[in-house]
């Protein structure tokens, strides 16, 4: 059964959410955007939010408890945006979702915005039961294939060494190494014969053309976003989330990379395509309007974080671990790897702009501020 359509007239103020703000490092400081609905619908319940366009919340076994999947009608067939994790609950959910829409065989295409398990994990299984085509970008496909390969035997050793270079004490590094043992990733079998959308300027869905936006994304290698100028709707995956920035972290395997630079560059792809009334259908959270404010505050959030790092390193060289204590004190042990990765992405961007320089002391790296001003980030924040 499809839930009632949420009708919102042009010019009518949208209700603001009563959901709690998150405490993640990427939470934004300014008021939340204008949401399409006040409370989320039940899991596995398709909600019609535009002509031939359904929104479904599917449960995932993480602290962020859901992923949004969107279904767009093309005649008697459907295109799904993302697939969810591969577990028994998600497989059952897909049966429930598609039963009133023509069954599993009515699914013609699945577009994967990016390779993370909560979005792409069930893609292979879904293709097997529906014969749907799988569409994504080359960068995301390569990452998806790589995630299925055996991990290097020395991965835990290198992870521990990375933490020590970040300034973790030996006990922290050892305990985090022990926690880094492989877990069930909820990634199912790989799909077959994927179609790459990198070179496609547009794709037809729900009776209209959707422009394909892709490039290095920071949150993942080359995420896909889709925008319909005619309907003023944006499908950004995780690249634009309501009230927060997605996680953008530097990987231990590539400690010198600058994913935050990629992410900020990716946001520029949206600038010419969204306005205050654009309906944004994110990968998590509630659909919303107010994209320009969201983009502005996301940039300002990262600018403030960069300015805080420069200020912290002005007095004396600091390790990333020490910077974490200065900016986000009392971080729990289990959150250290993510927050170190997040800070390192900012530190590496500041190195690229010439505002921080590393001092490599062999087993640990410290950072100090240079005379170069933080004007670039102040301009972004303004």
Foldseek 3Di string as FASTA:
>chain_A
DADEEQDDDPPHQADDEPDDFDPDLFFFDDGWFRFSDHDDDDALHWYDHDQQKTWGWHADPDPQGTWIKMWGDDPLAIEIEFQAFADPRSVVSQQSNCVVSPGLQRYAEYEFQAQQRGGHQCVAVSCVVHVHAYEWAPQRLVVNVVVPDDDDPCPLVLQLLLVLQLPDDNVLSVVVSVVPPDDPRSHHDDHPDHHHCPPPQWDDTNHAIWGWAWAQAQLGGIGIKTATQVVLEIENEQLFDIRGGHQRFDDSVGLLDQSVVNNLVSLVVCVVRHDQPRFYDYGGDGIGGGVVVSNLRSLLSLLVLLVLVQVVQAPDWARLVRSCCVPPNPDDSVCVVSSSRRSSSSVSVCVVVVQKDWDRPPSYITIHGDPDDSVVSVVSND
